[in-house]
N, C-alpha and C. Protein backbone atom coordinates (compact mmCIF):
# COMPACT_ATOMS: atom_id res chain seq x y z
N MET A 1 -2.00 -2.63 -2.96
CA MET A 1 -2.05 -3.74 -1.51
C MET A 1 -1.50 -4.79 -1.60
N GLY A 2 -0.79 -5.01 -3.14
CA GLY A 2 -0.71 -6.45 -3.62
C GLY A 2 0.94 -6.10 -3.96
N CYS A 3 1.47 -4.63 -3.74
CA CYS A 3 2.75 -4.66 -3.60
C CYS A 3 3.27 -4.40 -2.09
N LEU A 4 2.57 -3.85 -1.26
CA LEU A 4 2.69 -3.65 -0.05
C LEU A 4 2.45 -5.48 0.83
N CYS A 5 1.76 -6.01 0.61
CA CYS A 5 1.81 -7.23 0.81
C CYS A 5 2.99 -8.08 1.07
N GLN A 6 3.84 -7.34 -0.49
CA GLN A 6 5.05 -8.35 -0.59
C GLN A 6 6.15 -7.82 -0.30
N VAL A 7 6.21 -7.03 0.36
CA VAL A 7 7.31 -6.01 1.13
C VAL A 7 7.49 -5.28 2.25
N GLU A 8 8.01 -5.20 3.57
CA GLU A 8 7.62 -4.72 4.98
C GLU A 8 6.98 -3.33 4.69
N GLU A 9 7.58 -2.75 3.77
CA GLU A 9 7.09 -1.05 3.72
C GLU A 9 7.71 -0.53 1.89
N SER A 10 7.48 0.22 2.19
CA SER A 10 7.86 1.10 0.85
C SER A 10 7.68 2.23 0.95
N ASN A 11 7.90 3.13 0.26
CA ASN A 11 7.50 4.54 -0.26
C ASN A 11 6.74 4.52 -1.49
N TYR A 12 6.90 5.82 -2.27
CA TYR A 12 5.45 5.52 -3.25
C TYR A 12 6.50 5.22 -4.79
N ALA A 13 7.39 5.57 -4.74
CA ALA A 13 8.17 5.07 -5.81
C ALA A 13 7.92 3.65 -6.57
N PRO A 14 8.61 2.75 -5.53
CA PRO A 14 8.65 1.32 -6.29
C PRO A 14 6.92 0.85 -6.31
N ILE A 15 6.02 1.70 -5.72
CA ILE A 15 4.51 1.59 -5.98
C ILE A 15 4.39 1.75 -6.98
N GLY A 16 4.59 3.14 -7.50
CA GLY A 16 4.24 3.82 -9.01
C GLY A 16 4.94 2.88 -9.78
N GLU A 17 6.33 2.46 -9.82
CA GLU A 17 6.72 1.23 -10.68
C GLU A 17 6.43 -0.12 -10.84
N PHE A 18 5.61 -0.68 -9.88
CA PHE A 18 4.87 -1.37 -9.62
C PHE A 18 3.31 -1.86 -10.09
N THR A 19 2.97 -0.42 -10.34
CA THR A 19 1.32 -0.30 -10.71
C THR A 19 1.70 0.81 -11.61
N SER A 20 2.57 1.14 -12.36
CA SER A 20 1.98 2.06 -13.27
C SER A 20 1.02 3.59 -13.05
N VAL A 21 1.14 3.88 -11.65
CA VAL A 21 0.13 5.09 -11.13
C VAL A 21 0.94 6.15 -10.84
N ARG A 22 0.59 7.04 -11.03
CA ARG A 22 1.23 8.40 -10.98
C ARG A 22 1.24 8.84 -9.75
N ILE A 23 2.22 9.39 -8.88
CA ILE A 23 2.26 9.72 -7.71
C ILE A 23 1.50 10.24 -6.93
N ILE A 24 0.73 11.15 -7.96
CA ILE A 24 -0.52 11.71 -7.03
C ILE A 24 -1.84 10.90 -6.85
N ASP A 25 -1.69 9.98 -7.80
CA ASP A 25 -2.94 8.88 -7.49
C ASP A 25 -2.72 7.97 -6.82
N ILE A 26 -1.45 7.60 -6.23
CA ILE A 26 -1.18 6.90 -5.49
C ILE A 26 -1.35 7.55 -3.75
N SER A 27 -1.14 8.63 -3.50
CA SER A 27 -1.00 9.15 -2.61
C SER A 27 -2.73 9.84 -2.02
N LYS A 28 -3.82 9.91 -2.84
CA LYS A 28 -5.00 9.84 -2.74
C LYS A 28 -5.36 8.61 -2.61
N THR A 29 -5.11 7.25 -2.82
CA THR A 29 -5.36 5.81 -2.86
C THR A 29 -5.04 5.70 -1.73
N ILE A 30 -3.64 5.99 -0.82
CA ILE A 30 -2.99 5.35 0.03
C ILE A 30 -3.78 6.13 1.24
N ARG A 31 -4.52 7.49 0.99
CA ARG A 31 -5.52 8.34 1.67
C ARG A 31 -6.54 7.54 2.25
N GLY A 32 -7.38 7.22 1.02
CA GLY A 32 -8.55 6.34 1.42
C GLY A 32 -8.55 4.82 1.87
N ILE A 33 -6.85 3.94 1.00
CA ILE A 33 -7.16 2.91 2.05
C ILE A 33 -6.98 3.03 3.60
N GLY A 34 -6.09 4.41 3.83
CA GLY A 34 -5.85 4.38 5.59
C GLY A 34 -6.79 4.66 5.92
N GLU A 35 -7.88 5.42 5.53
CA GLU A 35 -8.86 5.55 6.42
C GLU A 35 -9.64 4.03 6.90
N ASN A 36 -9.25 3.52 6.25
CA ASN A 36 -10.07 1.81 6.60
C ASN A 36 -9.10 1.20 7.04
N GLU A 37 -7.90 1.62 7.48
CA GLU A 37 -7.16 1.13 8.44
C GLU A 37 -6.13 -0.31 7.63
N TYR A 38 -6.25 -0.10 6.40
CA TYR A 38 -5.57 -1.05 5.55
C TYR A 38 -4.07 -1.03 5.63
N VAL A 39 -3.86 0.19 5.28
CA VAL A 39 -2.55 0.79 5.61
C VAL A 39 -2.04 1.68 5.95
N THR A 40 -0.75 1.84 6.87
CA THR A 40 -0.13 3.05 7.78
C THR A 40 0.79 3.73 6.95
N GLY A 41 0.97 5.26 7.15
CA GLY A 41 2.07 5.72 6.43
C GLY A 41 2.12 6.88 6.92
N GLY A 42 3.25 7.14 6.36
CA GLY A 42 3.96 9.02 7.10
C GLY A 42 5.32 9.43 6.80
N LYS A 43 5.70 10.42 7.27
CA LYS A 43 6.92 10.91 6.76
C LYS A 43 8.03 10.48 7.53
N GLU A 44 8.90 10.00 6.95
CA GLU A 44 10.03 9.78 8.22
C GLU A 44 11.52 9.70 7.29
N ARG A 45 12.47 10.29 7.83
CA ARG A 45 13.75 10.89 7.74
C ARG A 45 14.72 9.77 7.37
N ARG A 46 14.95 9.70 5.85
CA ARG A 46 15.80 8.76 5.56
C ARG A 46 17.31 9.69 4.58
N GLN A 47 18.06 9.63 5.93
CA GLN A 47 19.36 10.39 5.48
C GLN A 47 19.17 11.26 5.37
N ARG A 48 19.43 12.40 4.18
CA ARG A 48 18.85 14.06 4.45
C ARG A 48 18.08 14.30 3.69
N TYR A 49 16.56 13.53 3.87
CA TYR A 49 15.77 14.04 3.12
C TYR A 49 14.53 12.96 3.33
N SER A 50 13.42 13.31 3.65
CA SER A 50 12.57 12.66 4.24
C SER A 50 11.63 11.99 3.06
N GLU A 51 10.84 10.98 3.37
CA GLU A 51 9.91 10.39 2.15
C GLU A 51 8.97 9.63 3.02
N THR A 52 7.94 9.47 2.27
CA THR A 52 6.39 9.05 2.74
C THR A 52 6.78 7.63 2.07
N ILE A 53 6.55 7.04 4.04
CA ILE A 53 6.76 5.35 3.92
C ILE A 53 5.30 4.60 4.24
N VAL A 54 4.93 3.79 3.64
CA VAL A 54 3.93 2.95 3.93
C VAL A 54 4.01 1.87 4.11
N ARG A 55 3.02 1.10 4.92
CA ARG A 55 2.89 -0.03 5.64
C ARG A 55 1.39 -0.95 5.39
N SER A 56 1.62 -1.89 5.10
CA SER A 56 -0.13 -2.39 5.29
C SER A 56 -0.13 -2.79 6.58
N THR A 57 -1.31 -3.23 6.82
CA THR A 57 -1.58 -3.69 8.26
C THR A 57 -2.12 -5.21 7.98
N GLU A 58 -1.92 -5.33 9.24
CA GLU A 58 -2.85 -6.90 9.22
C GLU A 58 -4.17 -7.21 8.92
N LEU A 59 -4.79 -6.13 9.33
CA LEU A 59 -6.00 -6.04 8.55
C LEU A 59 -6.12 -6.34 7.13
N GLY A 60 -5.19 -5.14 6.46
CA GLY A 60 -5.35 -4.86 5.21
C GLY A 60 -4.75 -6.15 4.49
N ARG A 61 -3.68 -6.64 4.76
CA ARG A 61 -3.11 -8.13 4.62
C ARG A 61 -4.57 -9.25 4.76
N ARG A 62 -5.39 -9.66 5.78
CA ARG A 62 -6.00 -10.21 6.10
C ARG A 62 -7.52 -10.19 4.74
N GLU A 63 -7.60 -9.01 4.55
CA GLU A 63 -9.05 -8.56 3.98
C GLU A 63 -8.58 -9.10 2.09
N ARG A 64 -7.46 -8.60 1.93
CA ARG A 64 -6.83 -8.60 0.58
C ARG A 64 -6.61 -10.60 0.41
N ALA A 65 -6.11 -11.18 1.29
CA ALA A 65 -6.17 -12.83 1.08
C ALA A 65 -7.52 -13.39 0.97
N LEU A 66 -8.89 -12.64 1.72
CA LEU A 66 -9.86 -12.74 1.02
C LEU A 66 -10.86 -12.48 0.04
N LEU A 67 -10.45 -11.27 -0.49
CA LEU A 67 -10.93 -10.82 -1.79
C LEU A 67 -9.82 -11.68 -2.91
N ILE A 68 -8.89 -12.07 -2.91
CA ILE A 68 -8.32 -13.29 -3.49
C ILE A 68 -8.99 -14.57 -3.80
N ARG A 69 -9.02 -15.03 -2.61
CA ARG A 69 -9.84 -16.05 -2.26
C ARG A 69 -11.35 -15.98 -3.03
N ALA A 70 -11.67 -14.94 -2.83
CA ALA A 70 -13.14 -14.88 -3.30
C ALA A 70 -13.16 -14.39 -4.69
N LEU A 71 -12.33 -14.03 -5.47
CA LEU A 71 -12.06 -13.96 -7.11
C LEU A 71 -11.50 -15.44 -7.31
N GLU A 72 -10.87 -16.49 -6.22
CA GLU A 72 -10.46 -17.62 -7.36
C GLU A 72 -11.62 -18.48 -6.95
N GLU A 73 -12.60 -18.33 -6.34
CA GLU A 73 -13.66 -19.58 -6.30
C GLU A 73 -14.85 -19.07 -7.14
N GLU A 74 -14.76 -17.51 -7.80
CA GLU A 74 -16.00 -17.22 -8.72
C GLU A 74 -15.42 -17.81 -10.23
N SER A 75 -13.65 -18.34 -10.43
CA SER A 75 -13.64 -18.41 -11.46
C SER A 75 -13.45 -19.84 -12.03
């Protein structure tokens, strides 16, 4: 979510670079947080190839902000 809240949308490669997580694990994580409606995503055509594009939702950005605020209060 941290990566997605900094950009409008992303494919898996930049998320992997940002988090050092393998693509297969990113896919599983995106699927999980997508079920909670924190992100949306799907295949989109980019030039000759399709790729999976992921976007954070308003709910996802709001929940992330609440989590960060709670963690800051704990410190």
